[in-house]
Amino acid sequence: MMFTIFINLHRLPIREYNMANPMFIGLDTETGGIEDDTSLLSLYIGIYDEEFILKGELDILMKPDNGIYMVEAGGLEVNKINLVE
């Protein structure tokens, strides 16, 4: 399945990152349900320093190239994503 990605950057100070300071990445995804054929709706990436302080984050909203979301009502209820917005 092909997706178009819309990116919204928040406080992403790339210049602060170097190999001397360990960084950690946290990932979270939201899908249209629990079945294998449901759409991936969003991806969140958080970048944390060695003290687990958030240093930057990235929210990515996915849209299938064909414009057809494969979702289940229960999946949208749980993740609170409104596809109309």
C-alpha atoms as a PDB file:
ATOM      1  CA  MET A   1       0.000   0.000   0.000  1.00  0.00           C
ATOM      2  CA  MET A   2       1.382   3.432  -0.937  1.00  0.00           C
ATOM      3  CA  PHE A   3       1.128   6.426   1.404  1.00  0.00           C
ATOM      4  CA  THR A   4       1.581  10.164   1.142  1.00  0.00           C
ATOM      5  CA  ILE A   5       3.225  11.597   4.255  1.00  0.00           C
ATOM      6  CA  PHE A   6       2.404  15.007   5.756  1.00  0.00           C
ATOM      7  CA  ILE A   7       5.078  16.164   8.219  1.00  0.00           C
ATOM      8  CA  ASN A   8       4.610  18.606  11.104  1.00  0.00           C
ATOM      9  CA  LEU A   9       7.910  19.474  12.854  1.00  0.00           C
ATOM     10  CA  HIS A  10       7.972  20.506  16.537  1.00  0.00           C
ATOM     11  CA  ARG A  11      11.082  21.742  18.354  1.00  0.00           C
ATOM     12  CA  LEU A  12      13.555  19.597  16.431  1.00  0.00           C
ATOM     13  CA  PRO A  13      16.974  21.165  17.234  1.00  0.00           C
ATOM     14  CA  ILE A  14      19.149  18.919  15.042  1.00  0.00           C
ATOM     15  CA  ARG A  15      22.290  20.935  15.821  1.00  0.00           C
ATOM     16  CA  GLU A  16      22.258  19.668  19.458  1.00  0.00           C
ATOM     17  CA  TYR A  17      22.771  16.029  18.513  1.00  0.00           C
ATOM     18  CA  ASN A  18      26.229  14.486  18.482  1.00  0.00           C
ATOM     19  CA  MET A  19      27.725  11.064  19.193  1.00  0.00           C
ATOM     20  CA  ALA A  20      29.090  12.157  22.600  1.00  0.00           C
ATOM     21  CA  ASN A  21      25.575  12.583  24.006  1.00  0.00           C
ATOM     22  CA  PRO A  22      23.450   9.439  23.815  1.00  0.00           C
ATOM     23  CA  MET A  23      19.967   9.938  22.432  1.00  0.00           C
ATOM     24  CA  PHE A  24      16.911   7.718  22.536  1.00  0.00           C
ATOM     25  CA  ILE A  25      14.014   7.492  20.115  1.00  0.00           C
ATOM     26  CA  GLY A  26      10.437   6.726  21.152  1.00  0.00           C
ATOM     27  CA  LEU A  27       7.965   5.625  18.468  1.00  0.00           C
ATOM     28  CA  ASP A  28       4.176   5.435  18.483  1.00  0.00           C
ATOM     29  CA  THR A  29       1.820   4.551  15.655  1.00  0.00           C
ATOM     30  CA  GLU A  30      -1.924   4.779  15.244  1.00  0.00           C
ATOM     31  CA  THR A  31      -3.759   2.494  12.850  1.00  0.00           C
ATOM     32  CA  GLY A  32      -7.303   2.157  11.619  1.00  0.00           C
ATOM     33  CA  GLY A  33      -7.826  -1.069  13.560  1.00  0.00           C
ATOM     34  CA  ILE A  34      -6.266  -4.367  14.578  1.00  0.00           C
ATOM     35  CA  GLU A  35      -6.546  -6.249  11.286  1.00  0.00           C
ATOM     36  CA  ASP A  36      -3.542  -6.555   8.944  1.00  0.00           C
ATOM     37  CA  ASP A  37      -5.239  -4.648   6.128  1.00  0.00           C
ATOM     38  CA  THR A  38      -6.127  -1.501   8.118  1.00  0.00           C
ATOM     39  CA  SER A  39      -4.382   1.772   7.292  1.00  0.00           C
ATOM     40  CA  LEU A  40      -1.433   3.241   9.140  1.00  0.00           C
ATOM     41  CA  LEU A  41      -2.788   6.668  10.112  1.00  0.00           C
ATOM     42  CA  SER A  42       0.011   8.347  12.044  1.00  0.00           C
ATOM     43  CA  LEU A  43       3.566   7.974  13.309  1.00  0.00           C
ATOM     44  CA  TYR A  44       5.045   9.893  16.258  1.00  0.00           C
ATOM     45  CA  ILE A  45       8.795  10.049  16.891  1.00  0.00           C
ATOM     46  CA  GLY A  46      10.178  11.584  20.092  1.00  0.00           C
ATOM     47  CA  ILE A  47      13.905  12.211  20.567  1.00  0.00           C
ATOM     48  CA  TYR A  48      15.145  12.121  24.167  1.00  0.00           C
ATOM     49  CA  ASP A  49      18.518  12.872  25.744  1.00  0.00           C
ATOM     50  CA  GLU A  50      20.369  10.657  28.242  1.00  0.00           C
ATOM     51  CA  GLU A  51      18.106  11.949  31.047  1.00  0.00           C
ATOM     52  CA  PHE A  52      14.986  11.162  28.960  1.00  0.00           C
ATOM     53  CA  ILE A  53      14.174  14.829  28.453  1.00  0.00           C
ATOM     54  CA  LEU A  54      12.294  15.408  25.209  1.00  0.00           C
ATOM     55  CA  LYS A  55      14.609  17.239  22.788  1.00  0.00           C
ATOM     56  CA  GLY A  56      12.485  17.111  19.643  1.00  0.00           C
ATOM     57  CA  GLU A  57       9.476  15.441  18.164  1.00  0.00           C
ATOM     58  CA  LEU A  58       8.003  14.647  14.793  1.00  0.00           C
ATOM     59  CA  ASP A  59       4.348  13.916  13.972  1.00  0.00           C
ATOM     60  CA  ILE A  60       3.633  12.274  10.627  1.00  0.00           C
ATOM     61  CA  LEU A  61       0.089  11.880   9.327  1.00  0.00           C
ATOM     62  CA  MET A  62      -0.372   9.241   6.635  1.00  0.00           C
ATOM     63  CA  LYS A  63      -2.820   9.285   3.743  1.00  0.00           C
ATOM     64  CA  PRO A  64      -3.098   6.387   1.276  1.00  0.00           C
ATOM     65  CA  ASP A  65      -2.222   7.495  -2.265  1.00  0.00           C
ATOM     66  CA  ASN A  66      -5.541   6.146  -3.506  1.00  0.00           C
ATOM     67  CA  GLY A  67      -7.345   8.187  -0.802  1.00  0.00           C
ATOM     68  CA  ILE A  68      -9.166   5.161   0.577  1.00  0.00           C
ATOM     69  CA  TYR A  69      -8.636   4.602   4.291  1.00  0.00           C
ATOM     70  CA  MET A  70      -9.064   1.031   5.503  1.00  0.00           C
ATOM     71  CA  VAL A  71     -10.392   1.508   9.047  1.00  0.00           C
ATOM     72  CA  GLU A  72     -12.606  -0.081  11.664  1.00  0.00           C
ATOM     73  CA  ALA A  73     -15.018   1.953  13.818  1.00  0.00           C
ATOM     74  CA  GLY A  74     -13.416   0.571  16.991  1.00  0.00           C
ATOM     75  CA  GLY A  75      -9.946   1.601  15.854  1.00  0.00           C
ATOM     76  CA  LEU A  76     -10.998   5.199  15.238  1.00  0.00           C
ATOM     77  CA  GLU A  77     -12.826   5.291  18.558  1.00  0.00           C
ATOM     78  CA  VAL A  78      -9.713   4.177  20.448  1.00  0.00           C
ATOM     79  CA  ASN A  79      -7.169   6.481  18.760  1.00  0.00           C
ATOM     80  CA  LYS A  80      -9.520   9.508  18.488  1.00  0.00           C
ATOM     81  CA  ILE A  81      -8.400  10.308  14.919  1.00  0.00           C
ATOM     82  CA  ASN A  82     -10.924  12.247  12.852  1.00  0.00           C
ATOM     83  CA  LEU A  83     -10.382  11.508   9.160  1.00  0.00           C
ATOM     84  CA  VAL A  84     -12.609  14.418   8.109  1.00  0.00           C
ATOM     85  CA  GLU A  85     -10.252  17.077   9.538  1.00  0.00           C
END
